[in-house]
Amino acid sequence: MDGGLERAIAFRRFRAHDVRAILRAGAGTPNPRGPGETMIVLLPSVATRDLSAYAMGEQS
């Protein structure tokens, strides 16, 4: 029950029906955390196209 009350406080849910819903959800609920370190991912360069390349053409 303490875990449910901690989650209710973390999500700022103080009404009885909110706390009951959190307690019913059990241990499978998310636990919010503060932001972590920035994730830097190097992505490959790709060719670009003008938006007109995506225009719907005449159907044949």
PDB file of N, CA and C in Angstrom:
ATOM      1  N   MET A   1       0.821  -1.187   0.000  1.00  0.00           N
ATOM      2  CA  MET A   1       0.000   0.000   0.000  1.00  0.00           C
ATOM      3  C   MET A   1       0.865   1.251   0.000  1.00  0.00           C
ATOM      4  N   ASP A   2       2.016   1.189   0.659  1.00  0.00           N
ATOM      5  CA  ASP A   2       2.897   2.354   0.680  1.00  0.00           C
ATOM      6  C   ASP A   2       3.346   2.732  -0.722  1.00  0.00           C
ATOM      7  N   GLY A   3       3.626   1.719  -1.557  1.00  0.00           N
ATOM      8  CA  GLY A   3       4.039   1.991  -2.933  1.00  0.00           C
ATOM      9  C   GLY A   3       2.950   2.719  -3.707  1.00  0.00           C
ATOM     10  N   GLY A   4       1.704   2.317  -3.490  1.00  0.00           N
ATOM     11  CA  GLY A   4       0.582   2.971  -4.153  1.00  0.00           C
ATOM     12  C   GLY A   4       0.434   4.417  -3.716  1.00  0.00           C
ATOM     13  N   LEU A   5       0.626   4.664  -2.441  1.00  0.00           N
ATOM     14  CA  LEU A   5       0.531   6.041  -1.944  1.00  0.00           C
ATOM     15  C   LEU A   5       1.678   6.891  -2.463  1.00  0.00           C
ATOM     16  N   GLU A   6       2.855   6.308  -2.577  1.00  0.00           N
ATOM     17  CA  GLU A   6       3.990   7.040  -3.146  1.00  0.00           C
ATOM     18  C   GLU A   6       3.722   7.409  -4.596  1.00  0.00           C
ATOM     19  N   ARG A   7       3.139   6.465  -5.371  1.00  0.00           N
ATOM     20  CA  ARG A   7       2.807   6.762  -6.768  1.00  0.00           C
ATOM     21  C   ARG A   7       1.728   7.826  -6.852  1.00  0.00           C
ATOM     22  N   ALA A   8       0.757   7.781  -5.959  1.00  0.00           N
ATOM     23  CA  ALA A   8      -0.303   8.798  -5.959  1.00  0.00           C
ATOM     24  C   ALA A   8       0.291  10.181  -5.723  1.00  0.00           C
ATOM     25  N   ILE A   9       1.233  10.274  -4.821  1.00  0.00           N
ATOM     26  CA  ILE A   9       1.879  11.565  -4.554  1.00  0.00           C
ATOM     27  C   ILE A   9       2.721  11.982  -5.755  1.00  0.00           C
ATOM     28  N   ALA A  10       3.464  11.043  -6.345  1.00  0.00           N
ATOM     29  CA  ALA A  10       4.317  11.361  -7.490  1.00  0.00           C
ATOM     30  C   ALA A  10       3.499  11.866  -8.672  1.00  0.00           C
ATOM     31  N   PHE A  11       2.302  11.282  -8.889  1.00  0.00           N
ATOM     32  CA  PHE A  11       1.442  11.697  -9.990  1.00  0.00           C
ATOM     33  C   PHE A  11       0.489  12.820  -9.580  1.00  0.00           C
ATOM     34  N   ARG A  12       0.619  13.291  -8.343  1.00  0.00           N
ATOM     35  CA  ARG A  12      -0.215  14.362  -7.799  1.00  0.00           C
ATOM     36  C   ARG A  12      -1.708  14.022  -7.897  1.00  0.00           C
ATOM     37  N   ARG A  13      -2.036  12.799  -7.508  1.00  0.00           N
ATOM     38  CA  ARG A  13      -3.424  12.334  -7.474  1.00  0.00           C
ATOM     39  C   ARG A  13      -3.834  12.183  -6.024  1.00  0.00           C
ATOM     40  N   PHE A  14      -4.711  13.051  -5.550  1.00  0.00           N
ATOM     41  CA  PHE A  14      -5.041  13.068  -4.133  1.00  0.00           C
ATOM     42  C   PHE A  14      -6.492  12.690  -3.848  1.00  0.00           C
ATOM     43  N   ARG A  15      -7.310  12.561  -4.856  1.00  0.00           N
ATOM     44  CA  ARG A  15      -8.710  12.198  -4.615  1.00  0.00           C
ATOM     45  C   ARG A  15      -8.814  10.700  -4.359  1.00  0.00           C
ATOM     46  N   ALA A  16      -9.813  10.331  -3.612  1.00  0.00           N
ATOM     47  CA  ALA A  16      -9.955   8.931  -3.192  1.00  0.00           C
ATOM     48  C   ALA A  16     -10.064   7.986  -4.383  1.00  0.00           C
ATOM     49  N   HIS A  17     -10.850   8.353  -5.403  1.00  0.00           N
ATOM     50  CA  HIS A  17     -11.004   7.432  -6.538  1.00  0.00           C
ATOM     51  C   HIS A  17      -9.702   7.297  -7.329  1.00  0.00           C
ATOM     52  N   ASP A  18      -8.877   8.346  -7.365  1.00  0.00           N
ATOM     53  CA  ASP A  18      -7.578   8.238  -8.030  1.00  0.00           C
ATOM     54  C   ASP A  18      -6.657   7.286  -7.275  1.00  0.00           C
ATOM     55  N   VAL A  19      -6.605   7.433  -5.959  1.00  0.00           N
ATOM     56  CA  VAL A  19      -5.741   6.571  -5.142  1.00  0.00           C
ATOM     57  C   VAL A  19      -6.219   5.127  -5.225  1.00  0.00           C
ATOM     58  N   ARG A  20      -7.521   4.908  -5.197  1.00  0.00           N
ATOM     59  CA  ARG A  20      -8.047   3.539  -5.323  1.00  0.00           C
ATOM     60  C   ARG A  20      -7.638   2.924  -6.660  1.00  0.00           C
ATOM     61  N   ALA A  21      -7.714   3.713  -7.743  1.00  0.00           N
ATOM     62  CA  ALA A  21      -7.331   3.201  -9.060  1.00  0.00           C
ATOM     63  C   ALA A  21      -5.850   2.848  -9.091  1.00  0.00           C
ATOM     64  N   ILE A  22      -5.019   3.660  -8.467  1.00  0.00           N
ATOM     65  CA  ILE A  22      -3.582   3.382  -8.420  1.00  0.00           C
ATOM     66  C   ILE A  22      -3.316   2.121  -7.607  1.00  0.00           C
ATOM     67  N   LEU A  23      -3.992   1.977  -6.487  1.00  0.00           N
ATOM     68  CA  LEU A  23      -3.806   0.779  -5.659  1.00  0.00           C
ATOM     69  C   LEU A  23      -4.285  -0.471  -6.385  1.00  0.00           C
ATOM     70  N   ARG A  24      -5.397  -0.364  -7.138  1.00  0.00           N
ATOM     71  CA  ARG A  24      -5.910  -1.507  -7.898  1.00  0.00           C
ATOM     72  C   ARG A  24      -4.940  -1.908  -9.004  1.00  0.00           C
ATOM     73  N   ALA A  25      -4.236  -0.934  -9.585  1.00  0.00           N
ATOM     74  CA  ALA A  25      -3.314  -1.225 -10.689  1.00  0.00           C
ATOM     75  C   ALA A  25      -2.151  -2.084 -10.225  1.00  0.00           C
ATOM     76  N   GLY A  26      -1.796  -1.993  -8.971  1.00  0.00           N
ATOM     77  CA  GLY A  26      -0.739  -2.839  -8.424  1.00  0.00           C
ATOM     78  C   GLY A  26       0.655  -2.387  -8.815  1.00  0.00           C
ATOM     79  N   ALA A  27       1.554  -3.356  -8.870  1.00  0.00           N
ATOM     80  CA  ALA A  27       2.973  -3.060  -9.073  1.00  0.00           C
ATOM     81  C   ALA A  27       3.331  -2.805 -10.534  1.00  0.00           C
ATOM     82  N   GLY A  28       2.426  -3.050 -11.452  1.00  0.00           N
ATOM     83  CA  GLY A  28       2.747  -2.901 -12.872  1.00  0.00           C
ATOM     84  C   GLY A  28       2.587  -1.495 -13.403  1.00  0.00           C
ATOM     85  N   THR A  29       2.608  -0.518 -12.552  1.00  0.00           N
ATOM     86  CA  THR A  29       2.421   0.861 -12.990  1.00  0.00           C
ATOM     87  C   THR A  29       3.760   1.569 -13.137  1.00  0.00           C
ATOM     88  N   PRO A  30       3.812   2.621 -13.967  1.00  0.00           N
ATOM     89  CA  PRO A  30       5.080   3.331 -14.148  1.00  0.00           C
ATOM     90  C   PRO A  30       5.497   4.105 -12.908  1.00  0.00           C
ATOM     91  N   ASN A  31       6.781   4.229 -12.734  1.00  0.00           N
ATOM     92  CA  ASN A  31       7.336   5.041 -11.656  1.00  0.00           C
ATOM     93  C   ASN A  31       8.067   6.213 -12.288  1.00  0.00           C
ATOM     94  N   PRO A  32       7.515   7.409 -12.210  1.00  0.00           N
ATOM     95  CA  PRO A  32       8.133   8.554 -12.882  1.00  0.00           C
ATOM     96  C   PRO A  32       9.513   8.862 -12.319  1.00  0.00           C
ATOM     97  N   ARG A  33      10.383   9.250 -13.192  1.00  0.00           N
ATOM     98  CA  ARG A  33      11.741   9.627 -12.821  1.00  0.00           C
ATOM     99  C   ARG A  33      12.052  10.964 -13.453  1.00  0.00           C
ATOM    100  N   GLY A  34      13.030  11.618 -12.927  1.00  0.00           N
ATOM    101  CA  GLY A  34      13.488  12.861 -13.517  1.00  0.00           C
ATOM    102  C   GLY A  34      14.219  12.590 -14.821  1.00  0.00           C
ATOM    103  N   PRO A  35      14.495  13.633 -15.585  1.00  0.00           N
ATOM    104  CA  PRO A  35      15.198  13.430 -16.853  1.00  0.00           C
ATOM    105  C   PRO A  35      16.605  12.900 -16.622  1.00  0.00           C
ATOM    106  N   GLY A  36      17.031  12.050 -17.507  1.00  0.00           N
ATOM    107  CA  GLY A  36      18.375  11.481 -17.416  1.00  0.00           C
ATOM    108  C   GLY A  36      19.342  12.220 -18.318  1.00  0.00           C
ATOM    109  N   GLU A  37      20.413  11.542 -18.647  1.00  0.00           N
ATOM    110  CA  GLU A  37      21.413  12.130 -19.523  1.00  0.00           C
ATOM    111  C   GLU A  37      20.887  12.180 -20.953  1.00  0.00           C
ATOM    112  N   THR A  38      21.393  13.137 -21.728  1.00  0.00           N
ATOM    113  CA  THR A  38      21.003  13.256 -23.121  1.00  0.00           C
ATOM    114  C   THR A  38      21.528  12.063 -23.903  1.00  0.00           C
ATOM    115  N   MET A  39      20.644  11.492 -24.718  1.00  0.00           N
ATOM    116  CA  MET A  39      21.035  10.349 -25.536  1.00  0.00           C
ATOM    117  C   MET A  39      21.418  10.864 -26.922  1.00  0.00           C
ATOM    118  N   ILE A  40      22.672  10.690 -27.288  1.00  0.00           N
ATOM    119  CA  ILE A  40      23.160  11.150 -28.580  1.00  0.00           C
ATOM    120  C   ILE A  40      23.363   9.935 -29.467  1.00  0.00           C
ATOM    121  N   VAL A  41      22.674   9.933 -30.605  1.00  0.00           N
ATOM    122  CA  VAL A  41      22.754   8.824 -31.543  1.00  0.00           C
ATOM    123  C   VAL A  41      23.190   9.388 -32.890  1.00  0.00           C
ATOM    124  N   LEU A  42      24.249   8.832 -33.447  1.00  0.00           N
ATOM    125  CA  LEU A  42      24.696   9.252 -34.770  1.00  0.00           C
ATOM    126  C   LEU A  42      23.899   8.499 -35.815  1.00  0.00           C
ATOM    127  N   LEU A  43      23.171   9.238 -36.640  1.00  0.00           N
ATOM    128  CA  LEU A  43      22.344   8.632 -37.681  1.00  0.00           C
ATOM    129  C   LEU A  43      22.999   8.833 -39.031  1.00  0.00           C
ATOM    130  N   PRO A  44      22.784   7.906 -39.951  1.00  0.00           N
ATOM    131  CA  PRO A  44      23.390   8.049 -41.273  1.00  0.00           C
ATOM    132  C   PRO A  44      22.733   9.191 -42.055  1.00  0.00           C
ATOM    133  N   SER A  45      23.500   9.796 -42.942  1.00  0.00           N
ATOM    134  CA  SER A  45      22.961  10.835 -43.820  1.00  0.00           C
ATOM    135  C   SER A  45      22.144  10.158 -44.912  1.00  0.00           C
ATOM    136  N   VAL A  46      21.089  10.798 -45.322  1.00  0.00           N
ATOM    137  CA  VAL A  46      20.250  10.255 -46.393  1.00  0.00           C
ATOM    138  C   VAL A  46      19.985  11.346 -47.418  1.00  0.00           C
ATOM    139  N   ALA A  47      19.667  10.927 -48.613  1.00  0.00           N
ATOM    140  CA  ALA A  47      19.338  11.879 -49.670  1.00  0.00           C
ATOM    141  C   ALA A  47      17.992  12.516 -49.365  1.00  0.00           C
ATOM    142  N   THR A  48      17.852  13.767 -49.736  1.00  0.00           N
ATOM    143  CA  THR A  48      16.572  14.450 -49.525  1.00  0.00           C
ATOM    144  C   THR A  48      15.883  14.671 -50.856  1.00  0.00           C
ATOM    145  N   ARG A  49      14.566  14.778 -50.799  1.00  0.00           N
ATOM    146  CA  ARG A  49      13.771  15.037 -52.001  1.00  0.00           C
ATOM    147  C   ARG A  49      12.870  16.215 -51.737  1.00  0.00           C
ATOM    148  N   ASP A  50      12.487  16.874 -52.798  1.00  0.00           N
ATOM    149  CA  ASP A  50      11.535  17.957 -52.704  1.00  0.00           C
ATOM    150  C   ASP A  50      10.159  17.369 -52.354  1.00  0.00           C
ATOM    151  N   LEU A  51       9.325  18.133 -51.679  1.00  0.00           N
ATOM    152  CA  LEU A  51       8.003  17.626 -51.310  1.00  0.00           C
ATOM    153  C   LEU A  51       7.147  17.288 -52.523  1.00  0.00           C
ATOM    154  N   SER A  52       7.414  17.892 -53.662  1.00  0.00           N
ATOM    155  CA  SER A  52       6.631  17.592 -54.863  1.00  0.00           C
ATOM    156  C   SER A  52       6.824  16.132 -55.299  1.00  0.00           C
ATOM    157  N   ALA A  53       7.895  15.505 -54.871  1.00  0.00           N
ATOM    158  CA  ALA A  53       8.112  14.094 -55.202  1.00  0.00           C
ATOM    159  C   ALA A  53       7.079  13.199 -54.536  1.00  0.00           C
ATOM    160  N   TYR A  54       6.422  13.691 -53.517  1.00  0.00           N
ATOM    161  CA  TYR A  54       5.421  12.903 -52.795  1.00  0.00           C
ATOM    162  C   TYR A  54       3.992  13.219 -53.244  1.00  0.00           C
ATOM    163  N   ALA A  55       3.843  14.118 -54.200  1.00  0.00           N
ATOM    164  CA  ALA A  55       2.517  14.520 -54.662  1.00  0.00           C
ATOM    165  C   ALA A  55       1.828  13.346 -55.365  1.00  0.00           C
ATOM    166  N   MET A  56       0.520  13.297 -55.189  1.00  0.00           N
ATOM    167  CA  MET A  56      -0.266  12.256 -55.857  1.00  0.00           C
ATOM    168  C   MET A  56      -0.324  12.570 -57.346  1.00  0.00           C
ATOM    169  N   GLY A  57       0.087  11.630 -58.158  1.00  0.00           N
ATOM    170  CA  GLY A  57       0.050  11.826 -59.608  1.00  0.00           C
ATOM    171  C   GLY A  57      -1.266  11.331 -60.162  1.00  0.00           C
ATOM    172  N   GLU A  58      -1.395  11.434 -61.456  1.00  0.00           N
ATOM    173  CA  GLU A  58      -2.603  10.919 -62.085  1.00  0.00           C
ATOM    174  C   GLU A  58      -2.562   9.409 -62.081  1.00  0.00           C
ATOM    175  N   GLN A  59      -3.700   8.825 -61.740  1.00  0.00           N
ATOM    176  CA  GLN A  59      -3.772   7.367 -61.701  1.00  0.00           C
ATOM    177  C   GLN A  59      -4.090   6.844 -63.082  1.00  0.00           C
ATOM    178  N   SER A  60      -3.404   5.777 -63.456  1.00  0.00           N
ATOM    179  CA  SER A  60      -3.679   5.223 -64.793  1.00  0.00           C
ATOM    180  C   SER A  60      -4.178   3.815 -64.682  1.00  0.00           C
TER     181      SER A  60
END
